[in-house]
Amino acid sequence: MTIILGIDPGSRITGYGVIQQQGSKLTYVGSGCIRVNADTLPEKLHIIFNGVSEVIRQFNPQLFAIEQVFMARNPDSALKLGQARGAAIVAATTNELPVAEYSARQVKQAVVGTGGADKTQVQLMVKTLLKLPGKPQEDAADALAVAMCHAHSHQSLLNMAGQVKKVVRGRLR
């Protein structure tokens, strides 16, 4: 049983999603948003760092996954997003969590089946796959999708390692 924390970084709202993985079964643990109400960038980064650190203390995950920065139309926005990501990653590494990064396209592909999915499709699939009673807030849904993407990737790596182990032993199970 593994607890995975997914993060959808943002300089105004950072979403988090926590799932439990047992084999191929994924179970919802918790999700929410860290709302950043500050005037200066250093204050915003401090809030994100503290918020992610608190989520880590609360849920005690073993794995941490975060969405990569994509180049938007506005370079200033991309820089702020990168700094928000950095604050979240430092919170993870400070708590000795391994960090995995996924592009938005990889996350959408893993959860919806197409890399071009929109936010509503991601919300609906997260709700459906995790058997939630309602659609989670957008940023929380995106964070849960990041965690689910990592769970699928992690499980695939474990399966491949098992296959290699089986081949090395010279027999199939």
N, C-alpha and C. Protein backbone atom coordinates (compact mmCIF):
# COMPACT_ATOMS: atom_id res chain seq x y z
N MET A 1 0.85 -1.17 0.00
CA MET A 1 0.00 0.00 0.00
C MET A 1 0.89 1.24 0.00
N THR A 2 0.65 2.13 -0.96
CA THR A 2 1.46 3.33 -1.13
C THR A 2 0.55 4.56 -1.16
N ILE A 3 0.94 5.60 -0.44
CA ILE A 3 0.22 6.87 -0.47
C ILE A 3 0.98 7.81 -1.41
N ILE A 4 0.25 8.39 -2.38
CA ILE A 4 0.85 9.27 -3.38
C ILE A 4 0.22 10.65 -3.27
N LEU A 5 1.07 11.68 -3.21
CA LEU A 5 0.62 13.07 -3.20
C LEU A 5 0.88 13.67 -4.57
N GLY A 6 -0.18 14.17 -5.19
CA GLY A 6 -0.06 14.87 -6.46
C GLY A 6 -0.26 16.36 -6.25
N ILE A 7 0.50 17.16 -6.97
CA ILE A 7 0.43 18.62 -6.84
C ILE A 7 0.19 19.26 -8.21
N ASP A 8 -0.79 20.16 -8.26
CA ASP A 8 -1.03 21.02 -9.42
C ASP A 8 -0.62 22.42 -8.98
N PRO A 9 0.62 22.84 -9.31
CA PRO A 9 1.14 24.10 -8.77
C PRO A 9 0.49 25.32 -9.41
N GLY A 10 0.42 26.37 -8.62
CA GLY A 10 -0.06 27.65 -9.11
C GLY A 10 0.36 28.74 -8.15
N SER A 11 0.54 29.95 -8.66
CA SER A 11 0.97 31.04 -7.78
C SER A 11 -0.20 31.63 -6.99
N ARG A 12 -1.44 31.34 -7.42
CA ARG A 12 -2.61 31.80 -6.67
C ARG A 12 -3.33 30.65 -5.99
N ILE A 13 -3.42 29.51 -6.67
CA ILE A 13 -4.05 28.32 -6.10
C ILE A 13 -3.19 27.12 -6.45
N THR A 14 -2.76 26.39 -5.44
CA THR A 14 -2.02 25.15 -5.64
C THR A 14 -2.93 24.01 -5.19
N GLY A 15 -3.26 23.14 -6.13
CA GLY A 15 -4.12 22.00 -5.79
C GLY A 15 -3.29 20.84 -5.29
N TYR A 16 -3.89 20.05 -4.39
CA TYR A 16 -3.23 18.82 -3.95
C TYR A 16 -4.25 17.69 -3.96
N GLY A 17 -3.75 16.50 -4.24
CA GLY A 17 -4.59 15.31 -4.26
C GLY A 17 -3.81 14.14 -3.70
N VAL A 18 -4.45 13.39 -2.84
CA VAL A 18 -3.80 12.26 -2.20
C VAL A 18 -4.60 11.00 -2.48
N ILE A 19 -3.90 9.98 -2.99
CA ILE A 19 -4.55 8.69 -3.26
C ILE A 19 -3.73 7.57 -2.62
N GLN A 20 -4.39 6.47 -2.46
CA GLN A 20 -3.72 5.26 -1.97
C GLN A 20 -3.70 4.26 -3.11
N GLN A 21 -2.55 3.66 -3.33
CA GLN A 21 -2.41 2.66 -4.38
C GLN A 21 -2.09 1.31 -3.74
N GLN A 22 -2.90 0.34 -4.09
CA GLN A 22 -2.64 -1.03 -3.67
C GLN A 22 -2.76 -1.89 -4.92
N GLY A 23 -1.60 -2.25 -5.47
CA GLY A 23 -1.59 -2.92 -6.77
C GLY A 23 -2.12 -1.96 -7.82
N SER A 24 -3.14 -2.38 -8.57
CA SER A 24 -3.72 -1.50 -9.58
C SER A 24 -4.93 -0.75 -9.04
N LYS A 25 -5.30 -0.99 -7.79
CA LYS A 25 -6.46 -0.31 -7.20
C LYS A 25 -6.06 1.03 -6.61
N LEU A 26 -6.80 2.08 -7.00
CA LEU A 26 -6.56 3.42 -6.49
C LEU A 26 -7.75 3.85 -5.64
N THR A 27 -7.46 4.43 -4.48
CA THR A 27 -8.50 4.88 -3.56
C THR A 27 -8.25 6.33 -3.19
N TYR A 28 -9.31 7.10 -3.19
CA TYR A 28 -9.24 8.51 -2.79
C TYR A 28 -8.95 8.62 -1.30
N VAL A 29 -7.99 9.49 -0.95
CA VAL A 29 -7.67 9.74 0.46
C VAL A 29 -8.07 11.16 0.85
N GLY A 30 -7.70 12.15 0.02
CA GLY A 30 -8.04 13.54 0.31
C GLY A 30 -7.58 14.46 -0.79
N SER A 31 -8.12 15.66 -0.80
CA SER A 31 -7.71 16.66 -1.79
C SER A 31 -8.15 18.04 -1.31
N GLY A 32 -7.61 19.05 -1.96
CA GLY A 32 -7.98 20.41 -1.62
C GLY A 32 -7.10 21.40 -2.34
N CYS A 33 -7.16 22.63 -1.87
CA CYS A 33 -6.39 23.71 -2.49
C CYS A 33 -5.70 24.53 -1.42
N ILE A 34 -4.51 24.95 -1.76
CA ILE A 34 -3.77 25.90 -0.95
C ILE A 34 -3.98 27.24 -1.63
N ARG A 35 -4.75 28.10 -0.99
CA ARG A 35 -5.06 29.41 -1.56
C ARG A 35 -4.01 30.42 -1.09
N VAL A 36 -3.42 31.09 -2.06
CA VAL A 36 -2.31 31.99 -1.78
C VAL A 36 -2.81 33.43 -1.80
N ASN A 37 -2.97 33.99 -0.61
CA ASN A 37 -3.40 35.38 -0.47
C ASN A 37 -2.24 36.20 0.08
N ALA A 38 -1.38 36.64 -0.82
CA ALA A 38 -0.22 37.44 -0.43
C ALA A 38 0.08 38.43 -1.55
N ASP A 39 0.78 39.48 -1.19
CA ASP A 39 1.09 40.52 -2.16
C ASP A 39 2.39 40.29 -2.91
N THR A 40 3.40 39.78 -2.22
CA THR A 40 4.71 39.64 -2.86
C THR A 40 4.99 38.18 -3.21
N LEU A 41 5.84 38.00 -4.19
CA LEU A 41 6.19 36.64 -4.61
C LEU A 41 6.85 35.84 -3.49
N PRO A 42 7.79 36.42 -2.74
CA PRO A 42 8.38 35.64 -1.64
C PRO A 42 7.33 35.17 -0.63
N GLU A 43 6.35 36.01 -0.33
CA GLU A 43 5.28 35.61 0.60
C GLU A 43 4.45 34.47 0.00
N LYS A 44 4.17 34.56 -1.29
CA LYS A 44 3.40 33.51 -1.96
C LYS A 44 4.14 32.18 -1.91
N LEU A 45 5.44 32.21 -2.20
CA LEU A 45 6.24 30.98 -2.19
C LEU A 45 6.31 30.39 -0.79
N HIS A 46 6.38 31.24 0.21
CA HIS A 46 6.40 30.79 1.61
C HIS A 46 5.09 30.07 1.95
N ILE A 47 3.97 30.63 1.52
CA ILE A 47 2.66 30.02 1.77
C ILE A 47 2.57 28.66 1.08
N ILE A 48 3.04 28.59 -0.15
CA ILE A 48 3.00 27.31 -0.89
C ILE A 48 3.87 26.27 -0.19
N PHE A 49 5.09 26.66 0.17
CA PHE A 49 6.00 25.74 0.86
C PHE A 49 5.36 25.23 2.15
N ASN A 50 4.84 26.15 2.98
CA ASN A 50 4.22 25.75 4.25
C ASN A 50 2.97 24.90 4.03
N GLY A 51 2.17 25.25 3.02
CA GLY A 51 0.96 24.49 2.73
C GLY A 51 1.26 23.08 2.30
N VAL A 52 2.20 22.91 1.39
CA VAL A 52 2.57 21.57 0.92
C VAL A 52 3.21 20.78 2.06
N SER A 53 4.03 21.44 2.87
CA SER A 53 4.64 20.76 4.02
C SER A 53 3.58 20.26 4.99
N GLU A 54 2.53 21.05 5.20
CA GLU A 54 1.44 20.65 6.10
C GLU A 54 0.67 19.45 5.52
N VAL A 55 0.43 19.47 4.22
CA VAL A 55 -0.26 18.34 3.56
C VAL A 55 0.58 17.07 3.73
N ILE A 56 1.89 17.20 3.58
CA ILE A 56 2.80 16.06 3.75
C ILE A 56 2.72 15.53 5.18
N ARG A 57 2.74 16.43 6.15
CA ARG A 57 2.62 16.00 7.56
C ARG A 57 1.27 15.31 7.82
N GLN A 58 0.22 15.85 7.24
CA GLN A 58 -1.13 15.33 7.47
C GLN A 58 -1.34 13.95 6.87
N PHE A 59 -0.87 13.73 5.63
CA PHE A 59 -1.16 12.49 4.92
C PHE A 59 -0.01 11.49 4.88
N ASN A 60 1.20 11.93 5.18
CA ASN A 60 2.38 11.07 5.22
C ASN A 60 2.56 10.23 3.95
N PRO A 61 2.64 10.87 2.78
CA PRO A 61 2.80 10.11 1.54
C PRO A 61 4.20 9.52 1.41
N GLN A 62 4.31 8.47 0.59
CA GLN A 62 5.62 7.89 0.27
C GLN A 62 6.14 8.39 -1.07
N LEU A 63 5.23 8.86 -1.93
CA LEU A 63 5.60 9.33 -3.27
C LEU A 63 5.00 10.71 -3.52
N PHE A 64 5.69 11.50 -4.32
CA PHE A 64 5.29 12.87 -4.62
C PHE A 64 5.38 13.08 -6.13
N ALA A 65 4.31 13.59 -6.73
CA ALA A 65 4.31 13.86 -8.17
C ALA A 65 3.78 15.27 -8.41
N ILE A 66 4.35 15.94 -9.39
CA ILE A 66 3.98 17.33 -9.67
C ILE A 66 3.93 17.54 -11.18
N GLU A 67 3.04 18.45 -11.58
CA GLU A 67 2.93 18.76 -13.00
C GLU A 67 4.06 19.69 -13.42
N GLN A 68 4.61 19.44 -14.59
CA GLN A 68 5.69 20.27 -15.13
C GLN A 68 5.14 21.60 -15.62
N VAL A 69 6.04 22.56 -15.78
CA VAL A 69 5.67 23.87 -16.33
C VAL A 69 5.48 23.72 -17.83
N PHE A 70 4.45 24.36 -18.34
CA PHE A 70 4.29 24.42 -19.79
C PHE A 70 4.46 25.88 -20.19
N MET A 71 4.95 26.10 -21.39
CA MET A 71 5.15 27.48 -21.83
C MET A 71 3.82 28.04 -22.33
N ALA A 72 3.31 28.98 -21.59
CA ALA A 72 2.07 29.64 -21.97
C ALA A 72 2.40 30.85 -22.84
N ARG A 73 1.38 31.63 -23.13
CA ARG A 73 1.61 32.82 -23.95
C ARG A 73 2.41 33.87 -23.18
N ASN A 74 2.24 33.88 -21.87
CA ASN A 74 2.86 34.90 -21.04
C ASN A 74 4.07 34.34 -20.31
N PRO A 75 5.29 34.73 -20.70
CA PRO A 75 6.50 34.21 -20.05
C PRO A 75 6.54 34.53 -18.55
N ASP A 76 6.00 35.68 -18.14
CA ASP A 76 5.99 36.04 -16.72
C ASP A 76 5.16 35.03 -15.92
N SER A 77 4.04 34.61 -16.47
CA SER A 77 3.20 33.60 -15.80
C SER A 77 3.93 32.27 -15.68
N ALA A 78 4.64 31.90 -16.73
CA ALA A 78 5.40 30.64 -16.71
C ALA A 78 6.50 30.70 -15.65
N LEU A 79 7.15 31.85 -15.51
CA LEU A 79 8.19 32.00 -14.48
C LEU A 79 7.60 31.88 -13.08
N LYS A 80 6.46 32.53 -12.84
CA LYS A 80 5.80 32.45 -11.53
C LYS A 80 5.38 31.01 -11.24
N LEU A 81 4.85 30.33 -12.24
CA LEU A 81 4.45 28.94 -12.07
C LEU A 81 5.66 28.07 -11.74
N GLY A 82 6.77 28.32 -12.40
CA GLY A 82 8.00 27.58 -12.12
C GLY A 82 8.48 27.80 -10.70
N GLN A 83 8.33 29.02 -10.21
CA GLN A 83 8.74 29.30 -8.84
C GLN A 83 7.81 28.63 -7.84
N ALA A 84 6.52 28.60 -8.14
CA ALA A 84 5.55 27.90 -7.28
C ALA A 84 5.88 26.40 -7.24
N ARG A 85 6.21 25.85 -8.40
CA ARG A 85 6.62 24.44 -8.46
C ARG A 85 7.84 24.21 -7.59
N GLY A 86 8.79 25.13 -7.69
CA GLY A 86 10.02 25.01 -6.90
C GLY A 86 9.74 24.97 -5.41
N ALA A 87 8.83 25.83 -4.95
CA ALA A 87 8.49 25.84 -3.52
C ALA A 87 7.88 24.51 -3.10
N ALA A 88 7.02 23.96 -3.94
CA ALA A 88 6.38 22.66 -3.63
C ALA A 88 7.42 21.53 -3.65
N ILE A 89 8.31 21.56 -4.62
CA ILE A 89 9.35 20.52 -4.72
C ILE A 89 10.29 20.58 -3.53
N VAL A 90 10.65 21.77 -3.09
CA VAL A 90 11.52 21.90 -1.92
C VAL A 90 10.81 21.34 -0.68
N ALA A 91 9.51 21.57 -0.56
CA ALA A 91 8.76 20.99 0.55
C ALA A 91 8.85 19.47 0.51
N ALA A 92 8.74 18.89 -0.67
CA ALA A 92 8.82 17.42 -0.82
C ALA A 92 10.22 16.92 -0.47
N THR A 93 11.24 17.56 -1.02
CA THR A 93 12.60 17.07 -0.79
C THR A 93 13.03 17.31 0.66
N THR A 94 12.54 18.37 1.28
CA THR A 94 12.82 18.61 2.70
C THR A 94 12.27 17.47 3.54
N ASN A 95 11.16 16.89 3.09
CA ASN A 95 10.55 15.76 3.79
C ASN A 95 11.01 14.41 3.22
N GLU A 96 12.09 14.46 2.44
CA GLU A 96 12.75 13.27 1.88
C GLU A 96 11.83 12.40 1.01
N LEU A 97 10.97 13.07 0.25
CA LEU A 97 10.11 12.36 -0.69
C LEU A 97 10.76 12.38 -2.08
N PRO A 98 10.71 11.25 -2.79
CA PRO A 98 11.18 11.27 -4.18
C PRO A 98 10.19 12.08 -5.03
N VAL A 99 10.69 12.84 -5.97
CA VAL A 99 9.87 13.72 -6.79
C VAL A 99 9.79 13.19 -8.22
N ALA A 100 8.56 13.06 -8.72
CA ALA A 100 8.33 12.68 -10.11
C ALA A 100 7.60 13.84 -10.79
N GLU A 101 7.95 14.10 -12.04
CA GLU A 101 7.35 15.20 -12.78
C GLU A 101 6.71 14.68 -14.05
N TYR A 102 5.51 15.22 -14.35
CA TYR A 102 4.77 14.80 -15.54
C TYR A 102 4.24 16.02 -16.27
N SER A 103 4.26 15.95 -17.59
CA SER A 103 3.68 17.03 -18.39
C SER A 103 2.16 16.96 -18.30
N ALA A 104 1.50 18.06 -18.58
CA ALA A 104 0.03 18.09 -18.57
C ALA A 104 -0.51 17.06 -19.57
N ARG A 105 0.16 16.91 -20.68
CA ARG A 105 -0.27 15.95 -21.71
C ARG A 105 -0.19 14.51 -21.18
N GLN A 106 0.89 14.18 -20.47
CA GLN A 106 1.04 12.84 -19.88
C GLN A 106 -0.07 12.57 -18.86
N VAL A 107 -0.37 13.56 -18.04
CA VAL A 107 -1.40 13.41 -17.01
C VAL A 107 -2.76 13.16 -17.67
N LYS A 108 -3.10 13.98 -18.64
CA LYS A 108 -4.39 13.83 -19.34
C LYS A 108 -4.48 12.49 -20.05
N GLN A 109 -3.39 12.07 -20.68
CA GLN A 109 -3.35 10.78 -21.38
C GLN A 109 -3.61 9.64 -20.39
N ALA A 110 -2.98 9.70 -19.22
CA ALA A 110 -3.11 8.63 -18.24
C ALA A 110 -4.51 8.54 -17.65
N VAL A 111 -5.16 9.68 -17.47
CA VAL A 111 -6.45 9.70 -16.78
C VAL A 111 -7.64 9.68 -17.74
N VAL A 112 -7.55 10.45 -18.83
CA VAL A 112 -8.67 10.57 -19.76
C VAL A 112 -8.49 9.67 -20.98
N GLY A 113 -7.24 9.42 -21.36
CA GLY A 113 -6.99 8.61 -22.54
C GLY A 113 -6.59 9.44 -23.74
N THR A 114 -6.60 10.76 -23.59
CA THR A 114 -6.14 11.64 -24.66
C THR A 114 -5.41 12.83 -24.04
N GLY A 115 -4.28 13.17 -24.61
CA GLY A 115 -3.47 14.27 -24.10
C GLY A 115 -4.06 15.63 -24.33
N GLY A 116 -5.10 15.71 -25.15
CA GLY A 116 -5.73 16.99 -25.46
C GLY A 116 -7.02 17.23 -24.67
N ALA A 117 -7.25 16.46 -23.61
CA ALA A 117 -8.48 16.60 -22.83
C ALA A 117 -8.56 17.96 -22.15
N ASP A 118 -9.80 18.44 -21.92
CA ASP A 118 -9.95 19.70 -21.21
C ASP A 118 -10.18 19.45 -19.71
N LYS A 119 -10.22 20.52 -18.93
CA LYS A 119 -10.33 20.41 -17.48
C LYS A 119 -11.62 19.70 -17.04
N THR A 120 -12.70 19.93 -17.75
CA THR A 120 -13.97 19.29 -17.40
C THR A 120 -13.88 17.78 -17.58
N GLN A 121 -13.23 17.33 -18.64
CA GLN A 121 -13.05 15.89 -18.88
C GLN A 121 -12.18 15.28 -17.78
N VAL A 122 -11.13 15.99 -17.37
CA VAL A 122 -10.26 15.50 -16.30
C VAL A 122 -11.07 15.38 -15.01
N GLN A 123 -11.84 16.41 -14.67
CA GLN A 123 -12.67 16.36 -13.46
C GLN A 123 -13.61 15.16 -13.48
N LEU A 124 -14.28 14.95 -14.60
CA LEU A 124 -15.25 13.86 -14.71
C LEU A 124 -14.57 12.49 -14.57
N MET A 125 -13.42 12.32 -15.21
CA MET A 125 -12.74 11.02 -15.12
C MET A 125 -12.17 10.78 -13.72
N VAL A 126 -11.66 11.82 -13.07
CA VAL A 126 -11.17 11.68 -11.69
C VAL A 126 -12.33 11.26 -10.80
N LYS A 127 -13.46 11.93 -10.95
CA LYS A 127 -14.67 11.60 -10.17
C LYS A 127 -15.07 10.15 -10.40
N THR A 128 -15.08 9.73 -11.65
CA THR A 128 -15.50 8.37 -12.01
C THR A 128 -14.52 7.31 -11.54
N LEU A 129 -13.24 7.51 -11.83
CA LEU A 129 -12.23 6.50 -11.50
C LEU A 129 -12.01 6.34 -10.00
N LEU A 130 -12.16 7.44 -9.25
CA LEU A 130 -11.97 7.36 -7.80
C LEU A 130 -13.29 7.18 -7.06
N LYS A 131 -14.38 7.07 -7.83
CA LYS A 131 -15.72 6.85 -7.26
C LYS A 131 -16.10 7.94 -6.24
N LEU A 132 -15.90 9.18 -6.63
CA LEU A 132 -16.22 10.31 -5.76
C LEU A 132 -17.70 10.67 -5.90
N PRO A 133 -18.32 11.21 -4.86
CA PRO A 133 -19.74 11.56 -4.93
C PRO A 133 -20.02 12.77 -5.81
N GLY A 134 -19.03 13.65 -6.00
CA GLY A 134 -19.19 14.83 -6.83
C GLY A 134 -17.88 15.19 -7.49
N LYS A 135 -17.95 16.15 -8.43
CA LYS A 135 -16.73 16.60 -9.10
C LYS A 135 -15.88 17.40 -8.13
N PRO A 136 -14.59 17.07 -8.02
CA PRO A 136 -13.70 17.89 -7.17
C PRO A 136 -13.44 19.24 -7.84
N GLN A 137 -13.03 20.21 -7.06
CA GLN A 137 -12.67 21.53 -7.57
C GLN A 137 -11.58 21.33 -8.62
N GLU A 138 -11.50 22.20 -9.63
CA GLU A 138 -10.59 22.03 -10.78
C GLU A 138 -9.14 21.75 -10.38
N ASP A 139 -8.58 22.58 -9.50
CA ASP A 139 -7.17 22.43 -9.14
C ASP A 139 -6.94 21.14 -8.35
N ALA A 140 -7.89 20.78 -7.49
CA ALA A 140 -7.79 19.52 -6.74
C ALA A 140 -7.92 18.33 -7.69
N ALA A 141 -8.81 18.42 -8.67
CA ALA A 141 -8.98 17.35 -9.66
C ALA A 141 -7.69 17.17 -10.46
N ASP A 142 -7.08 18.27 -10.86
CA ASP A 142 -5.83 18.19 -11.61
C ASP A 142 -4.74 17.54 -10.77
N ALA A 143 -4.69 17.87 -9.48
CA ALA A 143 -3.69 17.29 -8.58
C ALA A 143 -3.94 15.79 -8.39
N LEU A 144 -5.20 15.41 -8.25
CA LEU A 144 -5.53 13.98 -8.15
C LEU A 144 -5.14 13.26 -9.44
N ALA A 145 -5.34 13.91 -10.57
CA ALA A 145 -4.95 13.32 -11.86
C ALA A 145 -3.43 13.13 -11.93
N VAL A 146 -2.67 14.07 -11.39
CA VAL A 146 -1.20 13.94 -11.37
C VAL A 146 -0.83 12.72 -10.52
N ALA A 147 -1.47 12.58 -9.36
CA ALA A 147 -1.20 11.42 -8.48
C ALA A 147 -1.57 10.12 -9.19
N MET A 148 -2.70 10.11 -9.90
CA MET A 148 -3.13 8.91 -10.62
C MET A 148 -2.17 8.57 -11.75
N CYS A 149 -1.68 9.59 -12.45
CA CYS A 149 -0.69 9.38 -13.51
C CYS A 149 0.55 8.72 -12.93
N HIS A 150 0.99 9.21 -11.78
CA HIS A 150 2.18 8.63 -11.15
C HIS A 150 1.91 7.20 -10.70
N ALA A 151 0.72 6.96 -10.19
CA ALA A 151 0.37 5.60 -9.77
C ALA A 151 0.45 4.63 -10.95
N HIS A 152 -0.09 5.03 -12.09
CA HIS A 152 -0.04 4.18 -13.28
C HIS A 152 1.40 3.96 -13.74
N SER A 153 2.19 5.02 -13.73
CA SER A 153 3.59 4.93 -14.13
C SER A 153 4.37 4.06 -13.15
N HIS A 154 4.14 4.27 -11.87
CA HIS A 154 4.81 3.50 -10.81
C HIS A 154 4.47 2.02 -10.93
N GLN A 155 3.19 1.72 -11.14
CA GLN A 155 2.75 0.32 -11.28
C GLN A 155 3.37 -0.32 -12.51
N SER A 156 3.45 0.43 -13.61
CA SER A 156 4.07 -0.11 -14.83
C SER A 156 5.53 -0.45 -14.60
N LEU A 157 6.24 0.44 -13.88
CA LEU A 157 7.65 0.17 -13.58
C LEU A 157 7.80 -1.06 -12.70
N LEU A 158 6.92 -1.20 -11.71
CA LEU A 158 6.97 -2.38 -10.84
C LEU A 158 6.69 -3.65 -11.65
N ASN A 159 5.71 -3.57 -12.55
CA ASN A 159 5.39 -4.72 -13.39
C ASN A 159 6.57 -5.09 -14.29
N MET A 160 7.22 -4.06 -14.86
CA MET A 160 8.37 -4.33 -15.73
C MET A 160 9.51 -4.93 -14.92
N ALA A 161 9.74 -4.43 -13.72
CA ALA A 161 10.80 -4.98 -12.87
C ALA A 161 10.50 -6.43 -12.54
N GLY A 162 9.24 -6.74 -12.30
CA GLY A 162 8.84 -8.12 -12.04
C GLY A 162 9.07 -9.02 -13.24
N GLN A 163 8.80 -8.49 -14.44
CA GLN A 163 9.02 -9.26 -15.66
C GLN A 163 10.51 -9.53 -15.85
N VAL A 164 11.34 -8.53 -15.61
CA VAL A 164 12.79 -8.71 -15.75
C VAL A 164 13.26 -9.76 -14.75
N LYS A 165 12.76 -9.68 -13.54
CA LYS A 165 13.13 -10.63 -12.50
C LYS A 165 12.75 -12.05 -12.93
N LYS A 166 11.57 -12.19 -13.53
CA LYS A 166 11.11 -13.50 -13.97
C LYS A 166 12.00 -14.04 -15.09
N VAL A 167 12.39 -13.19 -16.01
CA VAL A 167 13.24 -13.60 -17.12
C VAL A 167 14.63 -13.97 -16.61
N VAL A 168 15.16 -13.22 -15.70
CA VAL A 168 16.49 -13.49 -15.15
C VAL A 168 16.51 -14.86 -14.48
N ARG A 169 15.44 -15.21 -13.83
CA ARG A 169 15.37 -16.52 -13.17
C ARG A 169 15.14 -17.66 -14.17
N GLY A 170 14.84 -17.27 -15.39
CA GLY A 170 14.72 -18.26 -16.44
C GLY A 170 13.41 -18.99 -16.51
N ARG A 171 12.40 -18.48 -15.83
CA ARG A 171 11.09 -19.13 -15.92
C ARG A 171 9.99 -18.09 -15.85
N LEU A 172 8.86 -18.43 -16.41
CA LEU A 172 7.69 -17.55 -16.40
C LEU A 172 6.73 -18.02 -15.31
N ARG A 173 6.08 -17.08 -14.70
CA ARG A 173 5.07 -17.42 -13.68
C ARG A 173 3.71 -17.13 -14.17
